[in-house]
N, C-alpha and C. Protein backbone atom coordinates (compact mmCIF):
# COMPACT_ATOMS: atom_id res chain seq x y z
N MET A 1 100.35 -5.92 13.37
CA MET A 1 100.00 -5.53 14.74
C MET A 1 100.97 -4.45 15.21
N PRO A 2 100.57 -3.63 16.19
CA PRO A 2 101.54 -2.72 16.80
C PRO A 2 102.61 -3.52 17.53
N SER A 3 103.84 -3.14 17.36
CA SER A 3 104.93 -3.86 18.01
C SER A 3 104.81 -3.76 19.53
N PRO A 4 104.76 -4.88 20.23
CA PRO A 4 104.59 -4.85 21.69
C PRO A 4 105.86 -4.38 22.39
N PRO A 5 105.74 -3.89 23.62
CA PRO A 5 106.90 -3.40 24.37
C PRO A 5 107.66 -4.54 25.04
N LEU A 6 108.20 -5.44 24.24
CA LEU A 6 108.96 -6.57 24.75
C LEU A 6 110.44 -6.24 24.79
N PRO A 7 111.20 -6.88 25.66
CA PRO A 7 112.60 -6.53 25.83
C PRO A 7 113.44 -6.61 24.56
N PHE A 8 113.10 -7.55 23.66
CA PHE A 8 113.93 -7.73 22.46
C PHE A 8 113.54 -6.79 21.33
N VAL A 9 112.51 -5.98 21.51
CA VAL A 9 112.09 -5.02 20.49
C VAL A 9 112.75 -3.67 20.76
N PRO A 10 113.46 -3.08 19.78
CA PRO A 10 114.07 -1.76 20.00
C PRO A 10 113.02 -0.75 20.45
N GLU A 11 113.39 0.07 21.39
CA GLU A 11 112.43 1.00 22.00
C GLU A 11 111.79 1.92 20.97
N GLU A 12 112.55 2.34 19.96
CA GLU A 12 112.00 3.28 18.97
C GLU A 12 110.98 2.62 18.04
N ARG A 13 110.90 1.28 18.04
CA ARG A 13 109.94 0.59 17.17
C ARG A 13 108.70 0.12 17.93
N ARG A 14 108.70 0.27 19.24
CA ARG A 14 107.56 -0.19 20.01
C ARG A 14 106.32 0.65 19.73
N GLY A 15 105.20 -0.02 19.48
CA GLY A 15 103.96 0.68 19.16
C GLY A 15 103.75 0.91 17.67
N GLN A 16 104.79 0.76 16.86
CA GLN A 16 104.66 0.92 15.42
C GLN A 16 104.08 -0.35 14.80
N LEU A 17 103.34 -0.20 13.70
CA LEU A 17 102.81 -1.38 13.03
C LEU A 17 103.96 -2.19 12.44
N VAL A 18 103.94 -3.49 12.72
CA VAL A 18 104.96 -4.39 12.20
C VAL A 18 104.29 -5.66 11.69
N ILE A 19 105.01 -6.39 10.87
CA ILE A 19 104.58 -7.72 10.44
C ILE A 19 105.37 -8.74 11.24
N VAL A 20 104.67 -9.57 11.98
CA VAL A 20 105.30 -10.64 12.75
C VAL A 20 105.13 -11.93 11.97
N ALA A 21 106.22 -12.48 11.48
CA ALA A 21 106.16 -13.69 10.66
C ALA A 21 106.57 -14.89 11.51
N LEU A 22 105.64 -15.80 11.73
CA LEU A 22 105.91 -17.03 12.47
C LEU A 22 106.15 -18.14 11.46
N MET A 23 107.37 -18.68 11.45
CA MET A 23 107.73 -19.68 10.45
C MET A 23 108.39 -20.87 11.12
N CYS A 24 108.17 -22.04 10.56
CA CYS A 24 108.76 -23.26 11.10
C CYS A 24 109.12 -24.19 9.95
N TYR A 25 110.30 -24.75 10.01
CA TYR A 25 110.72 -25.75 9.02
C TYR A 25 111.15 -27.00 9.78
N ALA A 26 110.52 -28.13 9.49
CA ALA A 26 110.87 -29.39 10.15
C ALA A 26 111.73 -30.21 9.20
N GLY A 27 113.00 -30.31 9.51
CA GLY A 27 113.91 -31.05 8.64
C GLY A 27 115.34 -30.66 8.87
N GLU A 28 116.18 -30.92 7.88
CA GLU A 28 117.60 -30.60 7.99
C GLU A 28 117.80 -29.09 8.06
N VAL A 29 118.79 -28.66 8.85
CA VAL A 29 119.03 -27.24 9.06
C VAL A 29 119.35 -26.53 7.75
N GLU A 30 120.20 -27.12 6.91
CA GLU A 30 120.57 -26.47 5.65
C GLU A 30 119.36 -26.30 4.74
N ASP A 31 118.49 -27.29 4.70
CA ASP A 31 117.28 -27.18 3.87
C ASP A 31 116.36 -26.09 4.43
N GLY A 32 116.30 -26.01 5.75
CA GLY A 32 115.49 -24.97 6.37
C GLY A 32 115.99 -23.58 6.05
N GLU A 33 117.31 -23.39 6.09
CA GLU A 33 117.90 -22.08 5.76
C GLU A 33 117.56 -21.69 4.33
N LYS A 34 117.61 -22.64 3.41
CA LYS A 34 117.28 -22.35 2.01
C LYS A 34 115.81 -21.96 1.87
N ALA A 35 114.94 -22.67 2.60
CA ALA A 35 113.51 -22.39 2.50
C ALA A 35 113.15 -21.02 3.07
N LEU A 36 113.87 -20.58 4.11
CA LEU A 36 113.56 -19.33 4.78
C LEU A 36 114.29 -18.12 4.18
N SER A 37 115.33 -18.37 3.39
CA SER A 37 116.14 -17.26 2.88
C SER A 37 115.35 -16.24 2.06
N PRO A 38 114.36 -16.63 1.24
CA PRO A 38 113.61 -15.60 0.50
C PRO A 38 112.89 -14.61 1.40
N PHE A 39 112.47 -15.05 2.58
CA PHE A 39 111.79 -14.14 3.51
C PHE A 39 112.78 -13.18 4.15
N ARG A 40 113.97 -13.65 4.41
CA ARG A 40 114.96 -12.81 5.08
C ARG A 40 115.42 -11.66 4.19
N VAL A 41 115.35 -11.83 2.86
CA VAL A 41 115.84 -10.77 1.97
C VAL A 41 114.74 -9.79 1.57
N LEU A 42 113.51 -10.02 2.04
CA LEU A 42 112.44 -9.08 1.71
C LEU A 42 112.71 -7.70 2.29
N ALA A 43 113.23 -7.66 3.51
CA ALA A 43 113.51 -6.39 4.19
C ALA A 43 114.41 -6.68 5.37
N GLU A 44 115.02 -5.64 5.89
CA GLU A 44 115.84 -5.78 7.09
C GLU A 44 114.91 -5.99 8.29
N PRO A 45 114.99 -7.13 8.96
CA PRO A 45 114.06 -7.39 10.06
C PRO A 45 114.37 -6.52 11.28
N VAL A 46 113.32 -6.15 11.98
CA VAL A 46 113.49 -5.44 13.25
C VAL A 46 114.12 -6.39 14.27
N VAL A 47 113.62 -7.62 14.30
CA VAL A 47 114.14 -8.67 15.18
C VAL A 47 114.10 -9.97 14.39
N ASP A 48 115.17 -10.75 14.45
CA ASP A 48 115.22 -12.05 13.80
C ASP A 48 115.50 -13.10 14.87
N MET A 49 114.48 -13.87 15.22
CA MET A 49 114.61 -14.86 16.29
C MET A 49 114.57 -16.29 15.75
N LEU A 50 114.68 -16.44 14.43
CA LEU A 50 114.67 -17.77 13.84
C LEU A 50 115.97 -18.50 14.19
N ARG A 51 115.84 -19.73 14.65
CA ARG A 51 117.00 -20.53 15.00
C ARG A 51 116.58 -22.00 15.10
N THR A 52 117.57 -22.87 15.12
CA THR A 52 117.25 -24.28 15.33
C THR A 52 116.81 -24.47 16.78
N MET A 53 115.81 -25.33 16.97
CA MET A 53 115.29 -25.58 18.32
C MET A 53 114.51 -26.88 18.33
N PRO A 54 114.37 -27.51 19.48
CA PRO A 54 113.49 -28.68 19.58
C PRO A 54 112.04 -28.26 19.49
N TYR A 55 111.19 -29.19 19.14
CA TYR A 55 109.78 -28.88 18.91
C TYR A 55 109.14 -28.21 20.12
N ARG A 56 109.48 -28.66 21.33
CA ARG A 56 108.82 -28.14 22.53
C ARG A 56 109.08 -26.66 22.77
N GLU A 57 110.08 -26.08 22.10
CA GLU A 57 110.40 -24.68 22.30
C GLU A 57 109.69 -23.75 21.31
N ILE A 58 108.95 -24.32 20.37
CA ILE A 58 108.28 -23.49 19.37
C ILE A 58 107.32 -22.51 20.04
N TYR A 59 106.55 -23.00 21.01
CA TYR A 59 105.61 -22.15 21.73
C TYR A 59 106.09 -21.99 23.17
N PRO A 60 106.60 -20.83 23.53
CA PRO A 60 107.08 -20.63 24.91
C PRO A 60 105.91 -20.60 25.88
N PRO A 61 106.17 -20.80 27.17
CA PRO A 61 105.09 -20.76 28.17
C PRO A 61 104.40 -19.40 28.19
N GLU A 62 103.10 -19.40 28.46
CA GLU A 62 102.36 -18.15 28.54
C GLU A 62 102.77 -17.37 29.78
N GLU A 63 102.68 -16.07 29.67
CA GLU A 63 103.04 -15.22 30.80
C GLU A 63 102.05 -15.42 31.93
N ALA A 64 102.54 -15.65 33.14
CA ALA A 64 101.68 -15.90 34.29
C ALA A 64 100.81 -14.68 34.57
N GLY A 65 99.52 -14.92 34.78
CA GLY A 65 98.60 -13.83 35.10
C GLY A 65 98.13 -13.03 33.91
N PHE A 66 98.56 -13.39 32.69
CA PHE A 66 98.15 -12.64 31.51
C PHE A 66 96.91 -13.29 30.91
N HIS A 67 95.77 -12.65 31.10
CA HIS A 67 94.50 -13.18 30.60
C HIS A 67 93.76 -12.05 29.88
N PRO A 68 94.16 -11.73 28.67
CA PRO A 68 93.56 -10.60 27.97
C PRO A 68 92.12 -10.88 27.56
N THR A 69 91.33 -9.83 27.49
CA THR A 69 89.97 -9.91 26.96
C THR A 69 90.03 -9.53 25.49
N ALA A 70 89.37 -10.30 24.65
CA ALA A 70 89.48 -10.06 23.21
C ALA A 70 88.18 -10.38 22.51
N VAL A 71 87.97 -9.73 21.38
CA VAL A 71 86.92 -10.12 20.44
C VAL A 71 87.62 -10.47 19.14
N LEU A 72 87.06 -11.44 18.42
CA LEU A 72 87.72 -11.96 17.23
C LEU A 72 86.69 -12.28 16.17
N ARG A 73 87.05 -12.05 14.92
CA ARG A 73 86.26 -12.55 13.79
C ARG A 73 87.19 -13.32 12.89
N THR A 74 86.82 -14.55 12.62
CA THR A 74 87.61 -15.42 11.76
C THR A 74 86.92 -15.59 10.43
N MET A 75 87.69 -15.73 9.37
CA MET A 75 87.12 -15.86 8.03
C MET A 75 88.11 -16.56 7.12
N PHE A 76 87.61 -17.12 6.03
CA PHE A 76 88.45 -17.63 4.96
C PHE A 76 88.38 -16.63 3.81
N VAL A 77 89.49 -16.37 3.16
CA VAL A 77 89.50 -15.50 2.00
C VAL A 77 90.29 -16.19 0.89
N ASP A 78 89.98 -15.84 -0.35
CA ASP A 78 90.65 -16.45 -1.50
C ASP A 78 91.88 -15.68 -1.94
N ALA A 79 92.01 -14.42 -1.50
CA ALA A 79 93.16 -13.61 -1.89
C ALA A 79 93.25 -12.39 -1.00
N ILE A 80 94.46 -11.87 -0.86
CA ILE A 80 94.67 -10.56 -0.25
C ILE A 80 95.36 -9.71 -1.31
N ASP A 81 94.54 -8.92 -2.00
CA ASP A 81 95.08 -8.07 -3.06
C ASP A 81 95.61 -6.77 -2.45
N HIS A 82 96.07 -5.87 -3.31
CA HIS A 82 96.66 -4.62 -2.83
C HIS A 82 95.64 -3.80 -2.03
N ALA A 83 94.41 -3.78 -2.52
CA ALA A 83 93.36 -3.02 -1.83
C ALA A 83 93.09 -3.59 -0.44
N ALA A 84 93.07 -4.93 -0.35
CA ALA A 84 92.83 -5.56 0.95
C ALA A 84 93.99 -5.29 1.91
N ALA A 85 95.22 -5.31 1.39
CA ALA A 85 96.38 -5.02 2.23
C ALA A 85 96.31 -3.59 2.79
N GLU A 86 95.93 -2.64 1.93
CA GLU A 86 95.79 -1.25 2.40
C GLU A 86 94.68 -1.15 3.44
N THR A 87 93.59 -1.88 3.23
CA THR A 87 92.48 -1.86 4.18
C THR A 87 92.92 -2.40 5.53
N ILE A 88 93.71 -3.47 5.53
CA ILE A 88 94.19 -4.05 6.78
C ILE A 88 94.99 -3.02 7.57
N VAL A 89 95.90 -2.32 6.90
CA VAL A 89 96.72 -1.32 7.57
C VAL A 89 95.85 -0.18 8.10
N GLU A 90 94.92 0.29 7.27
CA GLU A 90 94.05 1.39 7.68
C GLU A 90 93.19 1.01 8.88
N ARG A 91 92.66 -0.21 8.88
CA ARG A 91 91.81 -0.64 9.99
C ARG A 91 92.61 -0.79 11.28
N LEU A 92 93.82 -1.31 11.17
CA LEU A 92 94.65 -1.43 12.36
C LEU A 92 94.99 -0.06 12.94
N GLU A 93 95.29 0.89 12.08
CA GLU A 93 95.64 2.23 12.54
C GLU A 93 94.43 2.93 13.17
N ALA A 94 93.22 2.56 12.75
CA ALA A 94 92.01 3.23 13.25
C ALA A 94 91.49 2.62 14.54
N SER A 95 91.98 1.43 14.89
CA SER A 95 91.46 0.75 16.08
C SER A 95 91.87 1.48 17.35
N THR A 96 90.97 1.48 18.35
CA THR A 96 91.26 2.07 19.65
C THR A 96 91.56 1.00 20.69
N ALA A 97 91.70 -0.26 20.26
CA ALA A 97 91.99 -1.36 21.19
C ALA A 97 93.42 -1.24 21.71
N GLN A 98 93.66 -1.86 22.86
CA GLN A 98 95.02 -1.89 23.39
C GLN A 98 95.96 -2.58 22.42
N MET A 99 95.49 -3.64 21.77
CA MET A 99 96.30 -4.37 20.82
C MET A 99 95.43 -4.93 19.70
N PRO A 100 95.32 -4.21 18.59
CA PRO A 100 94.62 -4.77 17.43
C PRO A 100 95.57 -5.64 16.62
N VAL A 101 95.07 -6.75 16.13
CA VAL A 101 95.92 -7.70 15.42
C VAL A 101 95.18 -8.25 14.21
N THR A 102 95.89 -8.39 13.12
CA THR A 102 95.38 -9.13 11.97
C THR A 102 96.27 -10.34 11.77
N GLN A 103 95.69 -11.52 11.86
CA GLN A 103 96.47 -12.75 11.67
C GLN A 103 96.10 -13.36 10.32
N ILE A 104 97.12 -13.66 9.53
CA ILE A 104 96.93 -14.27 8.21
C ILE A 104 97.60 -15.64 8.22
N ARG A 105 96.83 -16.67 7.98
CA ARG A 105 97.36 -18.03 7.93
C ARG A 105 97.24 -18.57 6.51
N VAL A 106 98.36 -18.95 5.93
CA VAL A 106 98.36 -19.52 4.59
C VAL A 106 97.96 -20.99 4.67
N LEU A 107 96.98 -21.37 3.90
CA LEU A 107 96.48 -22.75 3.91
C LEU A 107 97.01 -23.51 2.69
N GLY A 108 96.46 -24.67 2.43
CA GLY A 108 96.93 -25.48 1.30
C GLY A 108 97.87 -26.56 1.77
N GLY A 109 98.79 -26.98 0.90
CA GLY A 109 99.75 -28.01 1.26
C GLY A 109 99.08 -29.34 1.52
N ALA A 110 99.64 -30.10 2.47
CA ALA A 110 99.13 -31.43 2.77
C ALA A 110 97.68 -31.39 3.24
N MET A 111 97.30 -30.32 3.92
CA MET A 111 95.93 -30.20 4.41
C MET A 111 94.93 -30.25 3.26
N ALA A 112 95.30 -29.65 2.13
CA ALA A 112 94.39 -29.57 0.99
C ALA A 112 94.28 -30.89 0.23
N LEU A 113 95.15 -31.85 0.53
CA LEU A 113 95.10 -33.15 -0.15
C LEU A 113 94.03 -34.06 0.44
N VAL A 114 93.53 -33.74 1.62
CA VAL A 114 92.49 -34.55 2.26
C VAL A 114 91.14 -34.19 1.64
N PRO A 115 90.32 -35.16 1.27
CA PRO A 115 89.00 -34.85 0.70
C PRO A 115 88.17 -34.00 1.66
N SER A 116 87.41 -33.07 1.10
CA SER A 116 86.65 -32.13 1.94
C SER A 116 85.56 -32.83 2.75
N ASP A 117 85.13 -34.02 2.33
CA ASP A 117 84.09 -34.73 3.08
C ASP A 117 84.66 -35.80 4.01
N ALA A 118 85.99 -35.79 4.21
CA ALA A 118 86.62 -36.82 5.05
C ALA A 118 86.50 -36.51 6.53
N THR A 119 86.40 -35.24 6.88
CA THR A 119 86.33 -34.83 8.28
C THR A 119 85.29 -33.73 8.42
N ALA A 120 85.09 -33.26 9.65
CA ALA A 120 84.15 -32.15 9.88
C ALA A 120 84.67 -30.85 9.28
N PHE A 121 86.01 -30.70 9.20
CA PHE A 121 86.58 -29.50 8.58
C PHE A 121 86.56 -29.68 7.07
N ALA A 122 85.78 -28.84 6.39
CA ALA A 122 85.56 -29.04 4.96
C ALA A 122 86.08 -27.91 4.08
N HIS A 123 86.70 -26.89 4.68
CA HIS A 123 87.15 -25.74 3.88
C HIS A 123 88.58 -25.94 3.38
N ARG A 124 88.87 -27.12 2.87
CA ARG A 124 90.23 -27.47 2.51
C ARG A 124 90.68 -26.85 1.19
N ASP A 125 89.76 -26.27 0.44
CA ASP A 125 90.13 -25.63 -0.82
C ASP A 125 90.41 -24.14 -0.66
N ARG A 126 90.23 -23.59 0.54
CA ARG A 126 90.45 -22.17 0.73
C ARG A 126 91.94 -21.87 0.85
N ARG A 127 92.33 -20.67 0.43
CA ARG A 127 93.74 -20.35 0.34
C ARG A 127 94.30 -19.66 1.58
N LEU A 128 93.44 -18.91 2.28
CA LEU A 128 93.92 -18.13 3.43
C LEU A 128 92.86 -18.11 4.53
N MET A 129 93.33 -18.09 5.76
CA MET A 129 92.47 -17.79 6.90
C MET A 129 92.92 -16.45 7.46
N VAL A 130 91.97 -15.55 7.73
CA VAL A 130 92.28 -14.25 8.30
C VAL A 130 91.49 -14.08 9.59
N ASN A 131 92.18 -13.69 10.65
CA ASN A 131 91.54 -13.41 11.93
C ASN A 131 91.76 -11.95 12.31
N ALA A 132 90.69 -11.25 12.59
CA ALA A 132 90.77 -9.87 13.09
C ALA A 132 90.52 -9.91 14.59
N VAL A 133 91.47 -9.40 15.36
CA VAL A 133 91.42 -9.52 16.82
C VAL A 133 91.62 -8.15 17.46
N ALA A 134 90.83 -7.87 18.49
CA ALA A 134 91.01 -6.65 19.28
C ALA A 134 91.12 -7.05 20.74
N LEU A 135 92.30 -6.84 21.34
CA LEU A 135 92.51 -7.10 22.76
C LEU A 135 92.31 -5.79 23.51
N TYR A 136 91.53 -5.84 24.61
CA TYR A 136 91.19 -4.61 25.32
C TYR A 136 91.07 -4.90 26.81
N GLY A 137 90.99 -3.84 27.61
CA GLY A 137 90.93 -3.99 29.06
C GLY A 137 89.61 -3.62 29.70
N ASP A 138 88.94 -2.59 29.19
CA ASP A 138 87.71 -2.07 29.79
C ASP A 138 86.50 -2.78 29.20
N PRO A 139 85.72 -3.54 30.00
CA PRO A 139 84.55 -4.24 29.48
C PRO A 139 83.54 -3.31 28.81
N ALA A 140 83.52 -2.04 29.20
CA ALA A 140 82.58 -1.09 28.60
C ALA A 140 82.90 -0.82 27.14
N GLU A 141 84.09 -1.19 26.70
CA GLU A 141 84.50 -0.93 25.32
C GLU A 141 84.14 -2.07 24.36
N ARG A 142 83.55 -3.13 24.88
CA ARG A 142 83.34 -4.33 24.07
C ARG A 142 82.56 -4.03 22.78
N ALA A 143 81.48 -3.29 22.88
CA ALA A 143 80.66 -3.01 21.70
C ALA A 143 81.47 -2.28 20.62
N THR A 144 82.34 -1.37 21.05
CA THR A 144 83.18 -0.64 20.10
C THR A 144 84.10 -1.58 19.34
N HIS A 145 84.72 -2.51 20.05
CA HIS A 145 85.67 -3.41 19.41
C HIS A 145 84.96 -4.50 18.61
N GLU A 146 83.77 -4.89 19.03
CA GLU A 146 82.99 -5.83 18.22
C GLU A 146 82.62 -5.19 16.88
N ALA A 147 82.24 -3.93 16.92
CA ALA A 147 81.91 -3.22 15.67
C ALA A 147 83.14 -3.14 14.77
N TRP A 148 84.32 -2.97 15.38
CA TRP A 148 85.56 -2.87 14.60
C TRP A 148 85.86 -4.20 13.89
N VAL A 149 85.77 -5.33 14.60
CA VAL A 149 86.09 -6.60 13.96
C VAL A 149 85.04 -6.97 12.92
N ASP A 150 83.77 -6.61 13.15
CA ASP A 150 82.73 -6.89 12.17
C ASP A 150 82.97 -6.11 10.88
N ALA A 151 83.27 -4.82 11.02
CA ALA A 151 83.54 -3.99 9.84
C ALA A 151 84.80 -4.44 9.13
N PHE A 152 85.80 -4.86 9.90
CA PHE A 152 87.04 -5.37 9.33
C PHE A 152 86.75 -6.59 8.45
N ALA A 153 86.00 -7.54 8.99
CA ALA A 153 85.70 -8.76 8.25
C ALA A 153 84.95 -8.46 6.96
N GLU A 154 84.00 -7.55 7.03
CA GLU A 154 83.23 -7.20 5.83
C GLU A 154 84.12 -6.58 4.77
N ALA A 155 85.10 -5.78 5.18
CA ALA A 155 85.96 -5.08 4.23
C ALA A 155 86.99 -6.00 3.60
N VAL A 156 87.42 -7.03 4.31
CA VAL A 156 88.52 -7.87 3.84
C VAL A 156 88.03 -9.15 3.16
N GLN A 157 86.79 -9.52 3.39
CA GLN A 157 86.27 -10.78 2.85
C GLN A 157 86.41 -10.84 1.34
N ARG A 158 87.02 -11.91 0.85
CA ARG A 158 87.13 -12.20 -0.57
C ARG A 158 86.75 -13.66 -0.78
N GLY A 159 85.74 -13.92 -1.61
CA GLY A 159 85.29 -15.29 -1.82
C GLY A 159 84.15 -15.66 -0.89
N PRO A 160 83.72 -16.93 -0.96
CA PRO A 160 82.59 -17.38 -0.13
C PRO A 160 82.85 -17.17 1.36
N VAL A 161 81.79 -16.83 2.09
CA VAL A 161 81.90 -16.63 3.53
C VAL A 161 82.03 -17.98 4.22
N GLY A 162 82.96 -18.07 5.16
CA GLY A 162 83.16 -19.30 5.93
C GLY A 162 83.80 -18.98 7.26
N ALA A 163 83.92 -19.96 8.12
CA ALA A 163 84.52 -19.74 9.44
C ALA A 163 85.18 -21.02 9.91
N TYR A 164 86.23 -20.87 10.72
CA TYR A 164 86.89 -22.00 11.37
C TYR A 164 86.30 -22.13 12.75
N VAL A 165 85.68 -23.26 13.02
CA VAL A 165 84.86 -23.40 14.23
C VAL A 165 85.66 -23.19 15.52
N ASN A 166 86.93 -23.57 15.54
CA ASN A 166 87.72 -23.43 16.77
C ASN A 166 88.04 -21.99 17.12
N PHE A 167 87.82 -21.06 16.19
CA PHE A 167 88.07 -19.64 16.46
C PHE A 167 86.78 -18.85 16.64
N LEU A 168 85.65 -19.52 16.68
CA LEU A 168 84.38 -18.84 16.88
C LEU A 168 84.16 -18.56 18.36
N GLY A 169 83.60 -17.39 18.65
CA GLY A 169 83.17 -17.07 20.00
C GLY A 169 81.67 -17.32 20.12
N ASP A 170 81.02 -16.59 21.01
CA ASP A 170 79.58 -16.70 21.17
C ASP A 170 78.93 -15.77 20.14
N GLU A 171 78.83 -16.26 18.90
CA GLU A 171 78.42 -15.42 17.78
C GLU A 171 77.10 -15.85 17.16
N GLY A 172 76.42 -16.84 17.76
CA GLY A 172 75.12 -17.25 17.27
C GLY A 172 75.19 -18.42 16.31
N GLU A 173 74.02 -19.04 16.09
CA GLU A 173 73.95 -20.24 15.25
C GLU A 173 74.34 -19.96 13.81
N ALA A 174 74.02 -18.78 13.31
CA ALA A 174 74.33 -18.48 11.91
C ALA A 174 75.83 -18.58 11.65
N ARG A 175 76.62 -18.12 12.61
CA ARG A 175 78.08 -18.21 12.44
C ARG A 175 78.56 -19.66 12.56
N VAL A 176 77.92 -20.45 13.41
CA VAL A 176 78.28 -21.87 13.49
C VAL A 176 77.99 -22.54 12.16
N ARG A 177 76.88 -22.19 11.53
CA ARG A 177 76.55 -22.77 10.23
C ARG A 177 77.59 -22.43 9.18
N GLN A 178 78.20 -21.25 9.29
CA GLN A 178 79.23 -20.86 8.33
C GLN A 178 80.50 -21.70 8.44
N ALA A 179 80.65 -22.39 9.56
CA ALA A 179 81.83 -23.24 9.74
C ALA A 179 81.71 -24.55 8.95
N TYR A 180 80.51 -24.86 8.48
CA TYR A 180 80.30 -26.13 7.80
C TYR A 180 79.48 -25.92 6.52
N PRO A 181 79.94 -26.41 5.38
CA PRO A 181 79.08 -26.42 4.19
C PRO A 181 77.83 -27.25 4.47
N ALA A 182 76.80 -27.06 3.66
CA ALA A 182 75.50 -27.68 3.93
C ALA A 182 75.59 -29.20 4.09
N ALA A 183 76.33 -29.86 3.21
CA ALA A 183 76.40 -31.33 3.27
C ALA A 183 77.09 -31.78 4.56
N THR A 184 78.12 -31.05 4.98
CA THR A 184 78.83 -31.39 6.21
C THR A 184 77.93 -31.17 7.42
N TRP A 185 77.20 -30.06 7.41
CA TRP A 185 76.27 -29.75 8.52
C TRP A 185 75.23 -30.87 8.67
N GLU A 186 74.67 -31.31 7.57
CA GLU A 186 73.65 -32.35 7.61
C GLU A 186 74.23 -33.66 8.13
N ARG A 187 75.45 -33.98 7.71
CA ARG A 187 76.09 -35.20 8.18
C ARG A 187 76.36 -35.14 9.69
N LEU A 188 76.83 -33.99 10.18
CA LEU A 188 77.08 -33.83 11.61
C LEU A 188 75.79 -33.87 12.41
N ALA A 189 74.72 -33.31 11.85
CA ALA A 189 73.43 -33.33 12.54
C ALA A 189 72.91 -34.76 12.68
N GLU A 190 73.13 -35.57 11.67
CA GLU A 190 72.71 -36.97 11.73
C GLU A 190 73.51 -37.73 12.80
N ILE A 191 74.80 -37.47 12.86
CA ILE A 191 75.65 -38.10 13.87
C ILE A 191 75.23 -37.65 15.27
N LYS A 192 74.90 -36.38 15.40
CA LYS A 192 74.44 -35.84 16.68
C LYS A 192 73.16 -36.55 17.14
N ALA A 193 72.22 -36.75 16.22
CA ALA A 193 70.97 -37.40 16.57
C ALA A 193 71.19 -38.85 17.00
N ARG A 194 72.20 -39.48 16.43
CA ARG A 194 72.46 -40.88 16.73
C ARG A 194 73.15 -41.06 18.08
N TYR A 195 74.14 -40.21 18.37
CA TYR A 195 74.97 -40.41 19.55
C TYR A 195 74.63 -39.47 20.72
N ASP A 196 73.93 -38.38 20.46
CA ASP A 196 73.61 -37.43 21.53
C ASP A 196 72.21 -36.87 21.31
N PRO A 197 71.19 -37.72 21.32
CA PRO A 197 69.83 -37.26 21.02
C PRO A 197 69.28 -36.27 22.05
N THR A 198 69.81 -36.27 23.26
CA THR A 198 69.32 -35.34 24.29
C THR A 198 70.12 -34.04 24.31
N ASN A 199 71.09 -33.92 23.42
CA ASN A 199 71.92 -32.71 23.34
C ASN A 199 72.67 -32.45 24.65
N LEU A 200 73.19 -33.52 25.24
CA LEU A 200 73.97 -33.38 26.47
C LEU A 200 75.21 -32.51 26.22
N PHE A 201 75.89 -32.77 25.11
CA PHE A 201 77.08 -32.00 24.78
C PHE A 201 76.66 -30.77 23.99
N ARG A 202 76.36 -29.72 24.71
CA ARG A 202 75.81 -28.52 24.09
C ARG A 202 76.60 -27.25 24.45
N LEU A 203 77.55 -27.37 25.36
CA LEU A 203 78.32 -26.18 25.75
C LEU A 203 79.50 -26.01 24.79
N ASN A 204 79.16 -25.88 23.53
CA ASN A 204 80.16 -25.76 22.46
C ASN A 204 79.52 -25.00 21.30
N GLN A 205 80.17 -25.02 20.17
CA GLN A 205 79.55 -24.48 18.95
C GLN A 205 78.59 -25.56 18.45
N ASN A 206 77.39 -25.53 18.96
CA ASN A 206 76.48 -26.67 18.89
C ASN A 206 75.90 -26.87 17.50
N VAL A 207 75.90 -28.13 17.08
CA VAL A 207 75.19 -28.58 15.88
C VAL A 207 73.97 -29.35 16.37
N PRO A 208 72.77 -28.77 16.29
CA PRO A 208 71.58 -29.48 16.79
C PRO A 208 71.25 -30.68 15.92
N HIS A 209 70.66 -31.70 16.54
CA HIS A 209 70.35 -32.91 15.78
C HIS A 209 69.11 -32.69 14.94
N VAL A 210 68.95 -33.57 13.96
CA VAL A 210 67.80 -33.54 13.06
C VAL A 210 66.61 -34.19 13.72
N GLY A 211 65.39 -33.61 13.51
CA GLY A 211 64.18 -34.24 14.01
C GLY A 211 63.73 -33.72 15.35
């Protein structure tokens, strides 16, 4: 993302593309330092704000009155190769949004140990989640930024198409279907028919009931 004009960012780096790494280690401080040390030696950081803190301080309060308008496309990918990395940089540089962002979330770990049919979230075998986001101010620009996130997703997608339902906007039923493999969708539809046959709970990423 372009480096935001925040007080702790050096003025000469504001607006330049940077990698913002959000990391957390829950455990002993010494073990955490060892786990994070490989990241610290990758390059000289512009800002290093990693420190010991209580859990409640991980996410600071949101800025009062800050309600940005954004469009987002979420996807699962199996890899980010060199070509995909170059594409991400090129797409960010080409965006006309106030703040274009590419978010990469590494998956796996304990989450992947849960069987894929144990919950509604079934994409437990995927390696990465990528979100393309464009924050903007002028509502007239929405179509431009929607086209940008759509093209971004098409260029970066690696592996089967999928989506994380909590990051979906008003993108239509086809995108809701991508959040669930066929067997999961059918199971959720059966549950919907049993507990909500009138579709009372519909102001969401709706799974219509069967029948």
